[in-house]
Amino acid sequence: MNNNRLLRRLALAGTCGCFLFLVVGVSSVRAQSSGAAAGWEEAAGGKLSFDAASVKRNVSGPQAGMTSNAFWGPDRKPPNGLLTGTNLPLAVYIAFAYKLDNVQMRTVLDQMPNWTRRTFFDIEARPVGTDLTRDQVRLMMQSLLADRFKLVVHFETKEGPAYALVSARAEKLGSQMRPYPDGFPCSDLPRVARGRGGPAAIVPTVDNGRFPASCGEIGSMTTSGPGVIRQGGRDVSMDSIVDWIRNFANLDRPLIDRTGLNGMFDVSVESEVPLPSTGEAGVAAPTERASTVAANFLAAVNDQLGLKLQSVTAPVATLIVDHVEQPSPN
């Protein structure tokens, strides 16, 4: 499941009351984290704050449109320094701020207060500068959530079940994965759209359509025919590839990169997507179809990328929500 689909599921969960948690009223305290998050937070510069921010309740309902100019895509940054989120559940802002994957996010949802079921927020926030990394923006969002929602969290790390992404064939990549090659530049248009600025030349698709023309993110590609889905990206990191596999397959455990691969890569995967079937009982259960789609995708990752999943036991970090309140007025 990609992040946009997870967002829609969160919104629907809010309207049907599928996630609960308890509001605790206490004094104002700053959000804190430890353990798994400490490394990237320290590398991004520690505690940072926006120069100005606005938090407003959105009363239009979860189906009215939910957007952000900064949350999705591997390296997306706020255009011109302004971060915007429209009609989003609080859990989505928390997931962005603390760099949570879908598995961790589900744990957060189980802890959320009752008022978050039907309450969605618009946030606009402007940092002091514009030359920011995405992780620096995350740190600023942490400070905003602590200040306006009185959010206090911590990470707990315990040994638990996980998946490891490993090479399926020793020292050999699949036919649809290669190191990003020098001399084969690709279009920077998606990066311009994300606010990096500057003109970019349009470069034709390389290798007769084997990989997409654009760089920097994994997205949909033209398929070879009906009943299949194809996705790919150029000049993407192993972190992005791991996130893609985890989210598309909707894994129920954390996914750890143990491939030993470094650098940037071109990838593409095509897998079968069974059409909904009908019978005496009607249309096949969506969960059954989703499981088939995920299994087909993972089989294609094995065959086409030369990567596979192994069940392992590993340290698993869980974000614990200690305290949260409805936001203070602007």
Protein backbone atom coordinates (compact mmCIF):
# COMPACT_ATOMS: atom_id res chain seq x y z
CA MET A 1 0.00 0.00 0.00
CA ASN A 2 1.48 3.41 -0.91
CA ASN A 3 1.26 6.39 1.41
CA ASN A 4 -1.69 7.98 -0.37
CA ARG A 5 -3.74 4.79 -0.06
CA LEU A 6 -2.79 4.49 3.61
CA LEU A 7 -3.94 8.09 4.11
CA ARG A 8 -7.33 7.29 2.59
CA ARG A 9 -7.62 4.26 4.84
CA LEU A 10 -6.82 6.43 7.85
CA ALA A 11 -9.55 8.87 6.91
CA LEU A 12 -12.10 6.09 6.46
CA ALA A 13 -11.03 4.60 9.77
CA GLY A 14 -11.72 7.94 11.38
CA THR A 15 -15.26 8.16 10.04
CA CYS A 16 -16.19 4.63 11.12
CA GLY A 17 -14.56 4.91 14.53
CA CYS A 18 -12.03 2.15 13.92
CA PHE A 19 -9.25 3.61 16.00
CA LEU A 20 -9.45 4.71 19.58
CA PHE A 21 -7.34 6.16 22.32
CA LEU A 22 -7.56 8.19 25.46
CA VAL A 23 -7.15 11.93 25.91
CA VAL A 24 -5.10 12.77 28.97
CA GLY A 25 -5.12 16.35 30.20
CA VAL A 26 -1.82 17.44 31.72
CA SER A 27 0.59 20.35 31.65
CA SER A 28 2.43 21.55 28.57
CA VAL A 29 5.49 19.43 27.86
CA ARG A 30 7.84 19.12 24.92
CA ALA A 31 7.71 16.07 22.65
CA GLN A 32 10.67 13.76 23.16
CA SER A 33 11.99 10.73 21.36
CA SER A 34 14.83 8.32 21.93
CA GLY A 35 16.39 5.11 20.73
CA ALA A 36 15.70 4.37 17.06
CA ALA A 37 15.02 7.96 16.08
CA ALA A 38 18.07 9.48 17.78
CA GLY A 39 20.50 8.83 14.91
CA TRP A 40 18.70 10.64 12.12
CA GLU A 41 17.54 13.41 14.47
CA GLU A 42 21.11 14.13 15.54
CA ALA A 43 22.33 14.06 11.93
CA ALA A 44 19.59 16.55 10.95
CA GLY A 45 20.68 19.02 13.60
CA GLY A 46 18.66 18.24 16.73
CA LYS A 47 15.77 20.39 17.90
CA LEU A 48 14.48 22.77 15.20
CA SER A 49 11.36 24.93 14.97
CA PHE A 50 9.30 26.70 12.33
CA ASP A 51 9.43 30.48 12.25
CA ALA A 52 5.62 30.70 12.11
CA ALA A 53 2.80 28.17 12.00
CA SER A 54 -0.97 27.98 11.74
CA VAL A 55 -3.07 25.00 12.93
CA LYS A 56 -6.78 24.96 12.10
CA ARG A 57 -9.48 22.33 12.33
CA ASN A 58 -10.87 21.30 8.92
CA VAL A 59 -14.62 20.69 9.01
CA SER A 60 -15.12 19.64 5.38
CA GLY A 61 -14.91 15.89 6.07
CA PRO A 62 -12.34 13.24 5.12
CA GLN A 63 -13.63 12.81 1.56
CA ALA A 64 -13.22 16.50 0.70
CA GLY A 65 -9.57 16.10 -0.29
CA MET A 66 -6.41 15.47 1.71
CA THR A 67 -3.13 16.88 0.48
CA SER A 68 0.36 17.92 1.49
CA ASN A 69 3.17 19.54 -0.42
CA ALA A 70 5.88 17.87 1.65
CA PHE A 71 4.94 14.48 3.06
CA TRP A 72 5.11 12.06 0.12
CA GLY A 73 7.85 11.22 -2.36
CA PRO A 74 11.40 10.20 -1.41
CA ASP A 75 12.98 13.65 -1.14
CA ARG A 76 10.05 16.06 -1.23
CA LYS A 77 10.64 19.40 0.48
CA PRO A 78 8.29 22.36 1.13
CA PRO A 79 8.17 24.63 -1.95
CA ASN A 80 9.59 28.05 -1.07
CA GLY A 81 9.92 26.96 2.52
CA LEU A 82 6.17 26.74 3.21
CA LEU A 83 4.87 23.40 4.44
CA THR A 84 1.17 22.77 3.95
CA GLY A 85 -1.08 19.93 5.05
CA THR A 86 -4.80 20.00 4.29
CA ASN A 87 -7.53 17.95 5.95
CA LEU A 88 -5.14 15.39 7.45
CA PRO A 89 -5.54 13.26 10.59
CA LEU A 90 -3.16 14.02 13.43
CA ALA A 91 -1.65 10.54 13.05
CA VAL A 92 -0.36 11.47 9.59
CA TYR A 93 1.48 14.51 10.94
CA ILE A 94 2.97 12.34 13.71
CA ALA A 95 4.06 9.67 11.22
CA PHE A 96 5.83 12.30 9.12
CA ALA A 97 7.48 13.97 12.11
CA TYR A 98 8.88 10.74 13.52
CA LYS A 99 9.67 8.95 10.26
CA LEU A 100 7.28 6.04 10.84
CA ASP A 101 6.59 3.26 8.39
CA ASN A 102 3.13 1.80 7.87
CA VAL A 103 3.61 -0.90 10.52
CA GLN A 104 4.68 1.65 13.14
CA MET A 105 1.84 3.94 12.10
CA ARG A 106 -0.76 1.26 12.78
CA THR A 107 0.59 0.99 16.32
CA VAL A 108 0.22 4.75 16.74
CA LEU A 109 -3.38 4.59 15.50
CA ASP A 110 -4.20 2.09 18.23
CA GLN A 111 -3.11 4.68 20.80
CA MET A 112 -4.86 7.76 19.42
CA PRO A 113 -7.58 9.61 21.41
CA ASN A 114 -11.26 9.38 20.52
CA TRP A 115 -11.46 12.96 19.23
CA THR A 116 -9.03 12.15 16.41
CA ARG A 117 -11.63 9.87 14.80
CA ARG A 118 -13.51 12.81 13.33
CA THR A 119 -11.03 15.67 13.67
CA PHE A 120 -8.78 16.66 10.77
CA PHE A 121 -6.36 19.55 10.56
CA ASP A 122 -4.92 22.11 8.16
CA ILE A 123 -1.37 23.12 8.99
CA GLU A 124 0.73 25.82 7.35
CA ALA A 125 4.24 26.33 8.66
CA ARG A 126 7.16 28.42 7.44
CA PRO A 127 10.77 27.80 8.48
CA VAL A 128 13.40 30.50 8.72
CA GLY A 129 15.24 29.29 5.61
CA THR A 130 14.42 27.35 2.45
CA ASP A 131 17.49 25.16 1.89
CA LEU A 132 16.28 22.32 4.10
CA THR A 133 16.49 18.57 4.16
CA ARG A 134 13.33 16.56 4.66
CA ASP A 135 14.61 15.35 8.04
CA GLN A 136 15.08 18.94 9.19
CA VAL A 137 11.44 19.61 8.33
CA ARG A 138 10.51 16.52 10.36
CA LEU A 139 12.28 17.98 13.39
CA MET A 140 10.38 21.23 12.95
CA MET A 141 7.10 19.29 12.79
CA GLN A 142 8.05 17.54 16.05
CA SER A 143 8.41 20.92 17.74
CA LEU A 144 5.11 22.13 16.30
CA LEU A 145 3.25 19.05 17.53
CA ALA A 146 4.80 19.42 20.97
CA ASP A 147 3.86 23.10 21.16
CA ARG A 148 0.35 23.00 19.71
CA PHE A 149 -0.85 19.47 20.55
CA LYS A 150 1.26 19.03 23.73
CA LEU A 151 2.51 15.80 22.20
CA VAL A 152 4.89 13.66 24.27
CA VAL A 153 6.23 10.42 22.80
CA HIS A 154 9.08 7.98 23.26
CA PHE A 155 10.41 4.96 21.40
CA GLU A 156 10.55 1.49 22.91
CA THR A 157 12.74 -1.10 21.19
CA LYS A 158 12.22 -4.81 21.72
CA GLU A 159 13.16 -7.99 19.89
CA GLY A 160 10.32 -8.99 17.63
CA PRO A 161 9.35 -10.50 14.27
CA ALA A 162 10.53 -8.67 11.15
CA TYR A 163 11.42 -9.27 7.53
CA ALA A 164 14.91 -8.85 6.10
CA LEU A 165 15.39 -7.85 2.47
CA VAL A 166 18.32 -9.89 1.13
CA SER A 167 19.86 -10.75 -2.23
CA ALA A 168 18.18 -13.77 -3.80
CA ARG A 169 21.27 -14.64 -5.82
CA ALA A 170 24.77 -14.07 -4.50
CA GLU A 171 26.48 -11.03 -6.03
CA LYS A 172 23.95 -10.79 -8.84
CA LEU A 173 21.11 -8.36 -9.38
CA GLY A 174 17.96 -9.21 -11.30
CA SER A 175 17.44 -8.09 -14.89
CA GLN A 176 15.28 -5.12 -13.83
CA MET A 177 17.69 -3.63 -11.28
CA ARG A 178 21.01 -1.98 -11.98
CA PRO A 179 23.30 0.64 -10.43
CA TYR A 180 22.32 4.08 -11.71
CA PRO A 181 24.67 4.46 -14.67
CA ASP A 182 26.85 7.46 -15.39
CA GLY A 183 26.25 8.79 -18.88
CA PHE A 184 22.53 8.05 -18.85
CA PRO A 185 21.03 11.20 -17.34
CA CYS A 186 17.31 11.31 -16.75
CA SER A 187 14.73 14.03 -16.51
CA ASP A 188 14.77 16.13 -13.36
CA LEU A 189 11.19 17.33 -13.86
CA PRO A 190 9.74 15.59 -10.76
CA ARG A 191 12.46 17.18 -8.66
CA VAL A 192 11.64 20.62 -10.08
CA ALA A 193 7.99 19.98 -9.21
CA ARG A 194 9.08 19.28 -5.65
CA GLY A 195 10.59 22.73 -5.36
CA ARG A 196 14.26 22.15 -6.14
CA GLY A 197 14.03 24.84 -8.80
CA GLY A 198 15.91 25.47 -12.00
CA PRO A 199 15.22 24.36 -15.58
CA ALA A 200 15.51 20.71 -16.59
CA ALA A 201 15.83 19.02 -19.94
CA ILE A 202 13.38 16.28 -20.89
CA VAL A 203 15.37 13.12 -21.54
CA PRO A 204 13.70 10.25 -23.41
CA THR A 205 12.97 6.96 -21.68
CA VAL A 206 16.07 4.79 -21.73
CA ASP A 207 16.49 1.17 -22.82
CA ASN A 208 13.32 1.15 -24.92
CA GLY A 209 11.09 1.73 -21.94
CA ARG A 210 12.83 -0.68 -19.59
CA PHE A 211 13.15 2.09 -17.01
CA PRO A 212 11.21 5.37 -16.62
CA ALA A 213 12.56 8.67 -17.92
CA SER A 214 12.36 10.56 -14.64
CA CYS A 215 14.62 10.30 -11.63
CA GLY A 216 14.26 10.43 -7.90
CA GLU A 217 11.08 8.52 -7.14
CA ILE A 218 9.28 5.26 -7.85
CA GLY A 219 5.98 5.52 -9.70
CA SER A 220 3.65 3.90 -12.22
CA MET A 221 4.87 2.90 -15.68
CA THR A 222 3.19 1.74 -18.87
CA THR A 223 2.45 -1.98 -18.63
CA SER A 224 2.98 -4.70 -21.21
CA GLY A 225 -0.74 -5.48 -21.28
CA PRO A 226 -3.92 -5.88 -19.20
CA GLY A 227 -4.00 -7.61 -15.84
CA VAL A 228 -0.61 -6.35 -14.70
CA ILE A 229 0.82 -3.38 -12.85
CA ARG A 230 4.25 -1.90 -13.46
CA GLN A 231 6.25 0.46 -11.29
CA GLY A 232 9.77 1.75 -11.48
CA GLY A 233 12.21 4.51 -10.73
CA ARG A 234 15.66 5.76 -11.63
CA ASP A 235 18.42 7.07 -9.41
CA VAL A 236 16.68 5.82 -6.23
CA SER A 237 18.32 4.74 -2.99
CA MET A 238 17.98 1.42 -1.22
CA ASP A 239 16.00 3.23 1.49
CA SER A 240 13.44 4.24 -1.14
CA ILE A 241 13.36 0.71 -2.57
CA VAL A 242 12.80 -0.78 0.89
CA ASP A 243 9.98 1.71 1.60
CA TRP A 244 8.39 0.91 -1.77
CA ILE A 245 8.46 -2.86 -1.21
CA ARG A 246 7.21 -2.56 2.38
CA ASN A 247 4.31 -0.27 1.50
CA PHE A 248 3.21 -1.85 -1.77
CA ALA A 249 3.17 -5.34 -0.24
CA ASN A 250 1.46 -3.91 2.88
CA LEU A 251 3.75 -5.95 5.13
CA ASP A 252 2.62 -6.71 8.66
CA ARG A 253 6.17 -6.51 10.03
CA PRO A 254 9.06 -4.05 9.74
CA LEU A 255 11.34 -4.56 6.73
CA ILE A 256 15.10 -4.32 7.29
CA ASP A 257 17.64 -3.83 4.51
CA ARG A 258 20.25 -6.58 4.70
CA THR A 259 21.17 -6.62 1.02
CA GLY A 260 24.54 -4.95 1.59
CA LEU A 261 23.86 -2.82 -1.51
CA ASN A 262 24.95 0.81 -1.55
CA GLY A 263 24.54 3.66 -3.99
CA MET A 264 21.67 4.57 -6.31
CA PHE A 265 19.74 2.24 -8.59
CA ASP A 266 17.35 1.98 -11.54
CA VAL A 267 14.51 -0.48 -10.90
CA SER A 268 11.25 -1.62 -12.47
CA VAL A 269 8.84 -4.40 -11.53
CA GLU A 270 5.80 -5.75 -13.38
CA SER A 271 3.45 -8.13 -11.58
CA GLU A 272 0.04 -9.66 -12.11
CA VAL A 273 -3.05 -8.05 -10.64
CA PRO A 274 -5.99 -10.48 -10.72
CA LEU A 275 -9.31 -9.04 -11.79
CA PRO A 276 -12.11 -9.30 -9.21
CA SER A 277 -13.83 -12.66 -9.66
CA THR A 278 -17.48 -13.47 -9.15
CA GLY A 279 -19.23 -16.64 -8.12
CA GLU A 280 -22.18 -17.84 -6.12
CA ALA A 281 -20.99 -15.78 -3.18
CA GLY A 282 -20.48 -12.67 -5.33
CA VAL A 283 -17.28 -10.67 -5.76
CA ALA A 284 -14.17 -12.21 -4.19
CA ALA A 285 -13.19 -10.73 -0.83
CA PRO A 286 -11.01 -7.61 -1.23
CA THR A 287 -8.60 -8.89 1.43
CA GLU A 288 -8.06 -12.11 -0.52
CA ARG A 289 -7.39 -10.18 -3.71
CA ALA A 290 -5.01 -7.81 -1.88
CA SER A 291 -3.07 -10.79 -0.54
CA THR A 292 -2.74 -12.19 -4.06
CA VAL A 293 -1.54 -8.82 -5.41
CA ALA A 294 1.09 -8.61 -2.63
CA ALA A 295 2.27 -12.20 -3.19
CA ASN A 296 2.58 -11.64 -6.94
CA PHE A 297 4.51 -8.42 -6.36
CA LEU A 298 6.98 -10.07 -3.96
CA ALA A 299 7.49 -12.96 -6.41
CA ALA A 300 8.23 -10.40 -9.15
CA VAL A 301 10.67 -8.56 -6.85
CA ASN A 302 12.49 -11.86 -6.38
CA ASP A 303 12.56 -12.69 -10.10
CA GLN A 304 13.10 -9.23 -11.60
CA LEU A 305 15.17 -7.42 -8.96
CA GLY A 306 16.96 -10.40 -7.46
CA LEU A 307 15.75 -9.52 -3.94
CA LYS A 308 13.71 -11.57 -1.50
CA LEU A 309 12.27 -11.48 2.02
CA GLN A 310 13.38 -13.62 4.94
CA SER A 311 11.62 -13.91 8.30
CA VAL A 312 13.94 -12.80 11.10
CA THR A 313 13.93 -11.68 14.70
CA ALA A 314 15.31 -8.18 15.12
CA PRO A 315 15.10 -5.07 17.33
CA VAL A 316 11.74 -3.43 16.52
CA ALA A 317 11.12 0.21 17.48
CA THR A 318 7.62 1.27 18.52
CA LEU A 319 6.53 4.88 19.05
CA ILE A 320 4.60 5.23 22.31
CA VAL A 321 2.22 8.19 22.62
CA ASP A 322 2.48 9.34 26.25
CA HIS A 323 0.30 12.42 25.98
CA VAL A 324 -1.60 14.49 23.42
CA GLU A 325 -4.24 17.24 23.56
CA GLN A 326 -6.49 19.05 21.14
CA PRO A 327 -4.52 21.95 19.63
CA SER A 328 -4.19 25.33 21.23
CA PRO A 329 -5.75 28.27 19.33
CA ASN A 330 -3.64 30.11 16.75
